[in-house]
PDB file of N, CA and C in Angstrom:
ATOM      1  N   MET A   1     -14.111  41.985  -4.810  1.00  0.00           N
ATOM      2  CA  MET A   1     -13.744  40.852  -3.981  1.00  0.00           C
ATOM      3  C   MET A   1     -14.644  39.652  -4.277  1.00  0.00           C
ATOM      4  N   ARG A   2     -15.913  39.904  -4.519  1.00  0.00           N
ATOM      5  CA  ARG A   2     -16.802  38.778  -4.805  1.00  0.00           C
ATOM      6  C   ARG A   2     -16.419  38.082  -6.107  1.00  0.00           C
ATOM      7  N   TYR A   3     -15.945  38.879  -7.071  1.00  0.00           N
ATOM      8  CA  TYR A   3     -15.511  38.301  -8.347  1.00  0.00           C
ATOM      9  C   TYR A   3     -14.309  37.379  -8.140  1.00  0.00           C
ATOM     10  N   ALA A   4     -13.342  37.836  -7.365  1.00  0.00           N
ATOM     11  CA  ALA A   4     -12.160  37.023  -7.069  1.00  0.00           C
ATOM     12  C   ALA A   4     -12.547  35.762  -6.294  1.00  0.00           C
ATOM     13  N   ALA A   5     -13.470  35.886  -5.355  1.00  0.00           N
ATOM     14  CA  ALA A   5     -13.936  34.726  -4.586  1.00  0.00           C
ATOM     15  C   ALA A   5     -14.656  33.726  -5.488  1.00  0.00           C
ATOM     16  N   ALA A   6     -15.424  34.241  -6.450  1.00  0.00           N
ATOM     17  CA  ALA A   6     -16.129  33.360  -7.383  1.00  0.00           C
ATOM     18  C   ALA A   6     -15.140  32.608  -8.275  1.00  0.00           C
ATOM     19  N   ILE A   7     -14.107  33.298  -8.719  1.00  0.00           N
ATOM     20  CA  ILE A   7     -13.076  32.652  -9.531  1.00  0.00           C
ATOM     21  C   ILE A   7     -12.363  31.574  -8.709  1.00  0.00           C
ATOM     22  N   GLU A   8     -12.000  31.917  -7.487  1.00  0.00           N
ATOM     23  CA  GLU A   8     -11.325  30.945  -6.618  1.00  0.00           C
ATOM     24  C   GLU A   8     -12.205  29.726  -6.372  1.00  0.00           C
ATOM     25  N   SER A   9     -13.472  29.955  -6.105  1.00  0.00           N
ATOM     26  CA  SER A   9     -14.406  28.859  -5.860  1.00  0.00           C
ATOM     27  C   SER A   9     -14.540  27.964  -7.090  1.00  0.00           C
ATOM     28  N   ALA A  10     -14.631  28.570  -8.269  1.00  0.00           N
ATOM     29  CA  ALA A  10     -14.743  27.796  -9.507  1.00  0.00           C
ATOM     30  C   ALA A  10     -13.471  26.975  -9.751  1.00  0.00           C
ATOM     31  N   MET A  11     -12.322  27.556  -9.478  1.00  0.00           N
ATOM     32  CA  MET A  11     -11.067  26.830  -9.675  1.00  0.00           C
ATOM     33  C   MET A  11     -10.948  25.665  -8.696  1.00  0.00           C
ATOM     34  N   ILE A  12     -11.375  25.885  -7.457  1.00  0.00           N
ATOM     35  CA  ILE A  12     -11.348  24.817  -6.457  1.00  0.00           C
ATOM     36  C   ILE A  12     -12.231  23.668  -6.909  1.00  0.00           C
ATOM     37  N   GLU A  13     -13.415  24.001  -7.392  1.00  0.00           N
ATOM     38  CA  GLU A  13     -14.348  22.968  -7.859  1.00  0.00           C
ATOM     39  C   GLU A  13     -13.803  22.238  -9.083  1.00  0.00           C
ATOM     40  N   ARG A  14     -13.316  22.983 -10.036  1.00  0.00           N
ATOM     41  CA  ARG A  14     -12.812  22.404 -11.295  1.00  0.00           C
ATOM     42  C   ARG A  14     -11.595  21.507 -11.060  1.00  0.00           C
ATOM     43  N   LEU A  15     -10.706  21.938 -10.188  1.00  0.00           N
ATOM     44  CA  LEU A  15      -9.478  21.184  -9.911  1.00  0.00           C
ATOM     45  C   LEU A  15      -9.642  20.143  -8.808  1.00  0.00           C
ATOM     46  N   LYS A  16     -10.849  20.105  -8.228  1.00  0.00           N
ATOM     47  CA  LYS A  16     -11.130  19.200  -7.101  1.00  0.00           C
ATOM     48  C   LYS A  16     -10.101  19.405  -5.998  1.00  0.00           C
ATOM     49  N   ALA A  17      -9.861  20.668  -5.688  1.00  0.00           N
ATOM     50  CA  ALA A  17      -8.860  21.042  -4.687  1.00  0.00           C
ATOM     51  C   ALA A  17      -9.450  20.991  -3.281  1.00  0.00           C
ATOM     52  N   ASP A  18      -8.570  21.084  -2.319  1.00  0.00           N
ATOM     53  CA  ASP A  18      -8.956  21.072  -0.908  1.00  0.00           C
ATOM     54  C   ASP A  18      -9.482  22.451  -0.515  1.00  0.00           C
ATOM     55  N   ARG A  19     -10.748  22.519  -0.152  1.00  0.00           N
ATOM     56  CA  ARG A  19     -11.335  23.809   0.250  1.00  0.00           C
ATOM     57  C   ARG A  19     -10.758  24.315   1.561  1.00  0.00           C
ATOM     58  N   GLY A  20     -10.204  23.430   2.353  1.00  0.00           N
ATOM     59  CA  GLY A  20      -9.640  23.821   3.645  1.00  0.00           C
ATOM     60  C   GLY A  20      -8.213  24.333   3.562  1.00  0.00           C
ATOM     61  N   PHE A  21      -7.617  24.324   2.367  1.00  0.00           N
ATOM     62  CA  PHE A  21      -6.237  24.794   2.217  1.00  0.00           C
ATOM     63  C   PHE A  21      -6.159  26.272   2.585  1.00  0.00           C
ATOM     64  N   ALA A  22      -5.250  26.596   3.513  1.00  0.00           N
ATOM     65  CA  ALA A  22      -5.155  27.966   4.013  1.00  0.00           C
ATOM     66  C   ALA A  22      -4.293  28.867   3.145  1.00  0.00           C
ATOM     67  N   GLY A  23      -3.572  28.299   2.184  1.00  0.00           N
ATOM     68  CA  GLY A  23      -2.724  29.109   1.326  1.00  0.00           C
ATOM     69  C   GLY A  23      -1.311  29.272   1.837  1.00  0.00           C
ATOM     70  N   LEU A  24      -1.023  28.693   2.999  1.00  0.00           N
ATOM     71  CA  LEU A  24       0.320  28.787   3.548  1.00  0.00           C
ATOM     72  C   LEU A  24       1.158  27.631   3.014  1.00  0.00           C
ATOM     73  N   LEU A  25       2.266  27.940   2.413  1.00  0.00           N
ATOM     74  CA  LEU A  25       3.119  26.887   1.879  1.00  0.00           C
ATOM     75  C   LEU A  25       4.218  26.494   2.847  1.00  0.00           C
ATOM     76  N   THR A  26       4.661  27.423   3.667  1.00  0.00           N
ATOM     77  CA  THR A  26       5.716  27.122   4.630  1.00  0.00           C
ATOM     78  C   THR A  26       5.451  27.853   5.936  1.00  0.00           C
ATOM     79  N   LYS A  27       6.129  27.412   6.959  1.00  0.00           N
ATOM     80  CA  LYS A  27       6.111  28.093   8.244  1.00  0.00           C
ATOM     81  C   LYS A  27       7.385  28.906   8.350  1.00  0.00           C
ATOM     82  N   ASN A  28       7.327  29.994   9.065  1.00  0.00           N
ATOM     83  CA  ASN A  28       8.523  30.793   9.322  1.00  0.00           C
ATOM     84  C   ASN A  28       9.147  30.276  10.611  1.00  0.00           C
ATOM     85  N   PRO A  29      10.269  29.560  10.512  1.00  0.00           N
ATOM     86  CA  PRO A  29      10.854  28.989  11.729  1.00  0.00           C
ATOM     87  C   PRO A  29      11.366  30.033  12.711  1.00  0.00           C
ATOM     88  N   LEU A  30      11.494  31.274  12.282  1.00  0.00           N
ATOM     89  CA  LEU A  30      11.980  32.319  13.180  1.00  0.00           C
ATOM     90  C   LEU A  30      10.852  33.008  13.947  1.00  0.00           C
ATOM     91  N   HIS A  31       9.606  32.762  13.561  1.00  0.00           N
ATOM     92  CA  HIS A  31       8.468  33.376  14.246  1.00  0.00           C
ATOM     93  C   HIS A  31       8.284  32.713  15.610  1.00  0.00           C
ATOM     94  N   PRO A  32       8.032  33.476  16.663  1.00  0.00           N
ATOM     95  CA  PRO A  32       7.917  32.909  18.014  1.00  0.00           C
ATOM     96  C   PRO A  32       6.818  31.858  18.148  1.00  0.00           C
ATOM     97  N   HIS A  33       5.793  31.919  17.304  1.00  0.00           N
ATOM     98  CA  HIS A  33       4.703  30.938  17.392  1.00  0.00           C
ATOM     99  C   HIS A  33       5.207  29.515  17.135  1.00  0.00           C
ATOM    100  N   TRP A  34       6.239  29.364  16.354  1.00  0.00           N
ATOM    101  CA  TRP A  34       6.731  28.043  15.979  1.00  0.00           C
ATOM    102  C   TRP A  34       7.931  27.600  16.806  1.00  0.00           C
ATOM    103  N   GLN A  35       8.260  28.325  17.870  1.00  0.00           N
ATOM    104  CA  GLN A  35       9.375  27.919  18.726  1.00  0.00           C
ATOM    105  C   GLN A  35       8.924  26.731  19.577  1.00  0.00           C
ATOM    106  N   ASN A  36       9.568  25.613  19.388  1.00  0.00           N
ATOM    107  CA  ASN A  36       9.214  24.395  20.112  1.00  0.00           C
ATOM    108  C   ASN A  36      10.342  24.000  21.043  1.00  0.00           C
ATOM    109  N   GLU A  37       9.968  23.256  22.058  1.00  0.00           N
ATOM    110  CA  GLU A  37      10.968  22.692  22.951  1.00  0.00           C
ATOM    111  C   GLU A  37      11.171  21.237  22.566  1.00  0.00           C
ATOM    112  N   PHE A  38      12.407  20.827  22.531  1.00  0.00           N
ATOM    113  CA  PHE A  38      12.707  19.452  22.205  1.00  0.00           C
ATOM    114  C   PHE A  38      13.212  18.754  23.450  1.00  0.00           C
ATOM    115  N   TRP A  39      12.573  17.664  23.785  1.00  0.00           N
ATOM    116  CA  TRP A  39      12.988  16.884  24.948  1.00  0.00           C
ATOM    117  C   TRP A  39      13.742  15.672  24.427  1.00  0.00           C
ATOM    118  N   THR A  40      14.981  15.574  24.805  1.00  0.00           N
ATOM    119  CA  THR A  40      15.791  14.441  24.385  1.00  0.00           C
ATOM    120  C   THR A  40      16.341  13.737  25.608  1.00  0.00           C
ATOM    121  N   PHE A  41      16.833  12.558  25.386  1.00  0.00           N
ATOM    122  CA  PHE A  41      17.496  11.850  26.466  1.00  0.00           C
ATOM    123  C   PHE A  41      18.763  11.233  25.892  1.00  0.00           C
ATOM    124  N   SER A  42      19.720  11.094  26.743  1.00  0.00           N
ATOM    125  CA  SER A  42      20.970  10.484  26.290  1.00  0.00           C
ATOM    126  C   SER A  42      20.920   8.993  26.598  1.00  0.00           C
ATOM    127  N   VAL A  43      21.456   8.233  25.695  1.00  0.00           N
ATOM    128  CA  VAL A  43      21.500   6.792  25.873  1.00  0.00           C
ATOM    129  C   VAL A  43      22.935   6.409  26.213  1.00  0.00           C
ATOM    130  N   SER A  44      23.074   5.721  27.311  1.00  0.00           N
ATOM    131  CA  SER A  44      24.420   5.338  27.752  1.00  0.00           C
ATOM    132  C   SER A  44      24.958   4.207  26.882  1.00  0.00           C
ATOM    133  N   TYR A  45      26.240   4.047  26.926  1.00  0.00           N
ATOM    134  CA  TYR A  45      26.889   2.971  26.179  1.00  0.00           C
ATOM    135  C   TYR A  45      26.333   1.620  26.615  1.00  0.00           C
ATOM    136  N   HIS A  46      26.143   1.453  27.917  1.00  0.00           N
ATOM    137  CA  HIS A  46      25.622   0.196  28.453  1.00  0.00           C
ATOM    138  C   HIS A  46      24.235  -0.096  27.878  1.00  0.00           C
ATOM    139  N   THR A  47      23.375   0.883  27.833  1.00  0.00           N
ATOM    140  CA  THR A  47      22.021   0.699  27.304  1.00  0.00           C
ATOM    141  C   THR A  47      22.072   0.364  25.813  1.00  0.00           C
ATOM    142  N   GLN A  48      22.927   1.028  25.070  1.00  0.00           N
ATOM    143  CA  GLN A  48      23.050   0.743  23.646  1.00  0.00           C
ATOM    144  C   GLN A  48      23.501  -0.691  23.415  1.00  0.00           C
ATOM    145  N   ARG A  49      24.431  -1.162  24.226  1.00  0.00           N
ATOM    146  CA  ARG A  49      24.922  -2.532  24.084  1.00  0.00           C
ATOM    147  C   ARG A  49      23.819  -3.538  24.363  1.00  0.00           C
ATOM    148  N   ARG A  50      22.996  -3.277  25.366  1.00  0.00           N
ATOM    149  CA  ARG A  50      21.906  -4.199  25.692  1.00  0.00           C
ATOM    150  C   ARG A  50      20.900  -4.264  24.549  1.00  0.00           C
ATOM    151  N   TRP A  51      20.644  -3.151  23.851  1.00  0.00           N
ATOM    152  CA  TRP A  51      19.688  -3.151  22.746  1.00  0.00           C
ATOM    153  C   TRP A  51      20.186  -3.969  21.564  1.00  0.00           C
ATOM    154  N   LYS A  52      21.505  -3.976  21.359  1.00  0.00           N
ATOM    155  CA  LYS A  52      22.072  -4.681  20.201  1.00  0.00           C
ATOM    156  C   LYS A  52      22.069  -6.190  20.385  1.00  0.00           C
ATOM    157  N   THR A  53      22.057  -6.665  21.618  1.00  0.00           N
ATOM    158  CA  THR A  53      22.135  -8.108  21.839  1.00  0.00           C
ATOM    159  C   THR A  53      20.792  -8.734  22.016  1.00  0.00           C
TER     160      THR A  53
END
């Protein structure tokens, strides 16, 4: 493990990479940790007309 860590450290230094990179490229949208609530509001026709003028 120390050998692999040394190689990784050398590559990070050589490539001037971000040491804080966690190695995760994507999030799994189906995992419960990433379930978000979206708060939206509806805009009435009257309100939309007022914004355009």
